[in-house]
C-alpha atoms as a PDB file:
ATOM      1  CA  UNK A   1       1.403  21.072 -59.646  1.00  0.00           C
ATOM      2  CA  UNK A   2       0.919  19.441 -56.235  1.00  0.00           C
ATOM      3  CA  UNK A   3       0.674  15.976 -57.784  1.00  0.00           C
ATOM      4  CA  UNK A   4       3.882  16.498 -59.764  1.00  0.00           C
ATOM      5  CA  UNK A   5       5.733  17.660 -56.631  1.00  0.00           C
ATOM      6  CA  UNK A   6       4.388  14.672 -54.683  1.00  0.00           C
ATOM      7  CA  UNK A   7       5.477  12.219 -57.394  1.00  0.00           C
ATOM      8  CA  UNK A   8       8.926  13.801 -57.508  1.00  0.00           C
ATOM      9  CA  UNK A   9       9.283  13.517 -53.703  1.00  0.00           C
ATOM     10  CA  UNK A  10       8.003   9.924 -53.769  1.00  0.00           C
ATOM     11  CA  UNK A  11      10.545   9.084 -56.467  1.00  0.00           C
ATOM     12  CA  UNK A  12      13.407  10.397 -54.294  1.00  0.00           C
ATOM     13  CA  UNK A  13      12.167   8.570 -51.180  1.00  0.00           C
ATOM     14  CA  UNK A  14      11.669   5.264 -52.984  1.00  0.00           C
ATOM     15  CA  UNK A  15      15.136   5.614 -54.538  1.00  0.00           C
ATOM     16  CA  UNK A  16      16.623   6.139 -51.082  1.00  0.00           C
ATOM     17  CA  UNK A  17      14.768   3.122 -49.681  1.00  0.00           C
ATOM     18  CA  UNK A  18      15.885   0.938 -52.585  1.00  0.00           C
ATOM     19  CA  UNK A  19      19.525   2.028 -52.086  1.00  0.00           C
ATOM     20  CA  UNK A  20      19.304   1.358 -48.365  1.00  0.00           C
ATOM     21  CA  UNK A  21      17.874  -2.119 -48.952  1.00  0.00           C
ATOM     22  CA  UNK A  22      20.631  -2.972 -51.466  1.00  0.00           C
ATOM     23  CA  UNK A  23      23.334  -1.980 -48.948  1.00  0.00           C
ATOM     24  CA  UNK A  24      21.565  -3.807 -46.106  1.00  0.00           C
ATOM     25  CA  UNK A  25      21.306  -7.006 -48.153  1.00  0.00           C
ATOM     26  CA  UNK A  26      24.955  -6.797 -49.215  1.00  0.00           C
ATOM     27  CA  UNK A  27      26.083  -6.354 -45.611  1.00  0.00           C
ATOM     28  CA  UNK A  28      24.001  -9.305 -44.452  1.00  0.00           C
ATOM     29  CA  UNK A  29      25.222 -11.499 -47.284  1.00  0.00           C
ATOM     30  CA  UNK A  30      28.807 -10.955 -46.190  1.00  0.00           C
ATOM     31  CA  UNK A  31      28.089 -11.862 -42.556  1.00  0.00           C
ATOM     32  CA  UNK A  32      28.987 -15.453 -41.769  1.00  0.00           C
ATOM     33  CA  UNK A  33      27.034 -17.141 -39.038  1.00  0.00           C
ATOM     34  CA  UNK A  34      27.717 -20.370 -37.233  1.00  0.00           C
ATOM     35  CA  UNK A  35      24.704 -22.651 -37.409  1.00  0.00           C
ATOM     36  CA  UNK A  36      24.416 -26.001 -35.664  1.00  0.00           C
ATOM     37  CA  UNK A  37      21.836 -28.728 -35.479  1.00  0.00           C
ATOM     38  CA  UNK A  38      22.300 -31.393 -32.860  1.00  0.00           C
ATOM     39  CA  UNK A  39      20.142 -34.509 -32.680  1.00  0.00           C
ATOM     40  CA  UNK A  40      19.833 -36.278 -29.360  1.00  0.00           C
ATOM     41  CA  UNK A  41      18.357 -39.762 -28.927  1.00  0.00           C
ATOM     42  CA  UNK A  42      17.655 -40.675 -25.336  1.00  0.00           C
ATOM     43  CA  UNK A  43      17.093 -43.980 -23.657  1.00  0.00           C
ATOM     44  CA  UNK A  44      13.450 -45.076 -23.591  1.00  0.00           C
ATOM     45  CA  UNK A  45      11.145 -42.567 -21.869  1.00  0.00           C
ATOM     46  CA  UNK A  46      13.992 -40.131 -21.032  1.00  0.00           C
ATOM     47  CA  UNK A  47      13.163 -37.541 -23.712  1.00  0.00           C
ATOM     48  CA  UNK A  48      11.137 -35.295 -21.407  1.00  0.00           C
ATOM     49  CA  UNK A  49      13.893 -35.369 -18.789  1.00  0.00           C
ATOM     50  CA  UNK A  50      16.375 -34.215 -21.443  1.00  0.00           C
ATOM     51  CA  UNK A  51      13.916 -31.508 -22.524  1.00  0.00           C
ATOM     52  CA  UNK A  52      13.851 -30.174 -18.962  1.00  0.00           C
ATOM     53  CA  UNK A  53      17.657 -30.058 -18.838  1.00  0.00           C
ATOM     54  CA  UNK A  54      17.902 -28.349 -22.237  1.00  0.00           C
ATOM     55  CA  UNK A  55      15.171 -25.856 -21.342  1.00  0.00           C
ATOM     56  CA  UNK A  56      17.018 -24.842 -18.172  1.00  0.00           C
ATOM     57  CA  UNK A  57      20.179 -24.484 -20.259  1.00  0.00           C
ATOM     58  CA  UNK A  58      18.291 -22.421 -22.840  1.00  0.00           C
ATOM     59  CA  UNK A  59      17.357 -19.918 -20.142  1.00  0.00           C
ATOM     60  CA  UNK A  60      21.105 -19.259 -19.695  1.00  0.00           C
ATOM     61  CA  UNK A  61      22.545 -19.760 -23.205  1.00  0.00           C
ATOM     62  CA  UNK A  62      19.934 -17.786 -25.158  1.00  0.00           C
ATOM     63  CA  UNK A  63      21.125 -14.549 -23.565  1.00  0.00           C
ATOM     64  CA  UNK A  64      24.835 -15.113 -24.117  1.00  0.00           C
ATOM     65  CA  UNK A  65      26.429 -12.577 -26.452  1.00  0.00           C
ATOM     66  CA  UNK A  66      26.479 -13.926 -29.997  1.00  0.00           C
ATOM     67  CA  UNK A  67      23.495 -16.281 -29.684  1.00  0.00           C
ATOM     68  CA  UNK A  68      20.745 -15.344 -32.149  1.00  0.00           C
ATOM     69  CA  UNK A  69      18.710 -18.530 -32.202  1.00  0.00           C
ATOM     70  CA  UNK A  70      18.365 -21.485 -29.862  1.00  0.00           C
ATOM     71  CA  UNK A  71      15.405 -23.748 -30.584  1.00  0.00           C
ATOM     72  CA  UNK A  72      14.694 -27.027 -28.842  1.00  0.00           C
ATOM     73  CA  UNK A  73      12.457 -29.384 -30.834  1.00  0.00           C
ATOM     74  CA  UNK A  74      10.901 -32.700 -29.859  1.00  0.00           C
ATOM     75  CA  UNK A  75       9.980 -35.245 -32.519  1.00  0.00           C
ATOM     76  CA  UNK A  76       6.193 -35.594 -32.613  1.00  0.00           C
ATOM     77  CA  UNK A  77       6.433 -39.296 -33.453  1.00  0.00           C
ATOM     78  CA  UNK A  78       9.154 -40.236 -30.966  1.00  0.00           C
ATOM     79  CA  UNK A  79       9.455 -38.129 -27.818  1.00  0.00           C
ATOM     80  CA  UNK A  80      12.938 -39.554 -27.140  1.00  0.00           C
ATOM     81  CA  UNK A  81      14.323 -37.735 -30.209  1.00  0.00           C
ATOM     82  CA  UNK A  82      15.314 -34.112 -29.541  1.00  0.00           C
ATOM     83  CA  UNK A  83      16.726 -31.673 -32.108  1.00  0.00           C
ATOM     84  CA  UNK A  84      18.442 -28.422 -31.095  1.00  0.00           C
ATOM     85  CA  UNK A  85      19.048 -25.695 -33.672  1.00  0.00           C
ATOM     86  CA  UNK A  86      21.465 -22.865 -32.853  1.00  0.00           C
ATOM     87  CA  UNK A  87      22.560 -19.738 -34.720  1.00  0.00           C
ATOM     88  CA  UNK A  88      25.662 -17.909 -33.474  1.00  0.00           C
ATOM     89  CA  UNK A  89      27.742 -14.952 -34.609  1.00  0.00           C
ATOM     90  CA  UNK A  90      30.781 -17.185 -34.908  1.00  0.00           C
ATOM     91  CA  UNK A  91      32.293 -20.497 -33.848  1.00  0.00           C
ATOM     92  CA  UNK A  92      34.128 -18.553 -31.142  1.00  0.00           C
ATOM     93  CA  UNK A  93      30.854 -17.284 -29.632  1.00  0.00           C
ATOM     94  CA  UNK A  94      29.527 -20.823 -29.549  1.00  0.00           C
ATOM     95  CA  UNK A  95      32.768 -22.125 -28.028  1.00  0.00           C
ATOM     96  CA  UNK A  96      32.553 -19.494 -25.286  1.00  0.00           C
ATOM     97  CA  UNK A  97      29.044 -20.669 -24.386  1.00  0.00           C
ATOM     98  CA  UNK A  98      30.331 -24.201 -23.945  1.00  0.00           C
ATOM     99  CA  UNK A  99      32.805 -23.035 -21.332  1.00  0.00           C
ATOM    100  CA  UNK A 100      30.032 -21.756 -19.059  1.00  0.00           C
ATOM    101  CA  UNK A 101      29.436 -23.675 -15.847  1.00  0.00           C
ATOM    102  CA  UNK A 102      25.722 -24.043 -16.707  1.00  0.00           C
ATOM    103  CA  UNK A 103      26.638 -25.733 -19.990  1.00  0.00           C
ATOM    104  CA  UNK A 104      29.041 -28.118 -18.287  1.00  0.00           C
ATOM    105  CA  UNK A 105      26.410 -29.033 -15.676  1.00  0.00           C
ATOM    106  CA  UNK A 106      23.788 -29.685 -18.367  1.00  0.00           C
ATOM    107  CA  UNK A 107      26.182 -31.974 -20.244  1.00  0.00           C
ATOM    108  CA  UNK A 108      26.943 -33.981 -17.121  1.00  0.00           C
ATOM    109  CA  UNK A 109      23.215 -34.368 -16.399  1.00  0.00           C
ATOM    110  CA  UNK A 110      22.238 -35.187 -19.997  1.00  0.00           C
ATOM    111  CA  UNK A 111      24.979 -37.664 -20.921  1.00  0.00           C
ATOM    112  CA  UNK A 112      23.642 -40.608 -18.853  1.00  0.00           C
ATOM    113  CA  UNK A 113      20.212 -40.179 -20.514  1.00  0.00           C
ATOM    114  CA  UNK A 114      21.503 -40.650 -24.062  1.00  0.00           C
ATOM    115  CA  UNK A 115      21.119 -43.897 -25.986  1.00  0.00           C
ATOM    116  CA  UNK A 116      23.681 -42.889 -28.632  1.00  0.00           C
ATOM    117  CA  UNK A 117      26.281 -40.177 -29.169  1.00  0.00           C
ATOM    118  CA  UNK A 118      24.631 -36.876 -30.244  1.00  0.00           C
ATOM    119  CA  UNK A 119      24.771 -36.178 -33.990  1.00  0.00           C
ATOM    120  CA  UNK A 120      25.999 -32.656 -34.668  1.00  0.00           C
ATOM    121  CA  UNK A 121      25.964 -30.905 -38.021  1.00  0.00           C
ATOM    122  CA  UNK A 122      27.448 -27.535 -38.835  1.00  0.00           C
ATOM    123  CA  UNK A 123      25.301 -25.792 -41.421  1.00  0.00           C
ATOM    124  CA  UNK A 124      25.547 -22.670 -43.560  1.00  0.00           C
ATOM    125  CA  UNK A 125      22.627 -20.308 -43.008  1.00  0.00           C
ATOM    126  CA  UNK A 126      21.693 -18.981 -46.441  1.00  0.00           C
ATOM    127  CA  UNK A 127      18.373 -17.194 -46.021  1.00  0.00           C
ATOM    128  CA  UNK A 128      15.406 -17.051 -43.699  1.00  0.00           C
ATOM    129  CA  UNK A 129      13.170 -14.909 -41.573  1.00  0.00           C
ATOM    130  CA  UNK A 130      15.058 -13.618 -38.587  1.00  0.00           C
ATOM    131  CA  UNK A 131      18.462 -14.277 -40.098  1.00  0.00           C
ATOM    132  CA  UNK A 132      20.580 -11.269 -39.277  1.00  0.00           C
END
């Protein structure tokens, strides 16, 4: 009798969990995020200087409302190649971050270090760990 009652309760709980997960996945699938990848190429031996500028900026931008991911990567084969990956709630959230004084200062410091214009790509986040 106890086993039958336990199985019945487990069936109800697992049904609830499955329903919750279906709704959660549907909600997340309808959320549109704004994902960017920007590739920076600096002048010779200026990659670490750019990393310092971007890291200081990260300490401000990462806590701005709407920012879910801000990763600064350095190419292991060429330290003058830097890739920044960002995930935002919306293009508007990202645009707001660019109006911050800290962002403007970082741009003015970084621009003279660059060998070429940064390459920016807007991406569509489809799936991944940590994707809200």
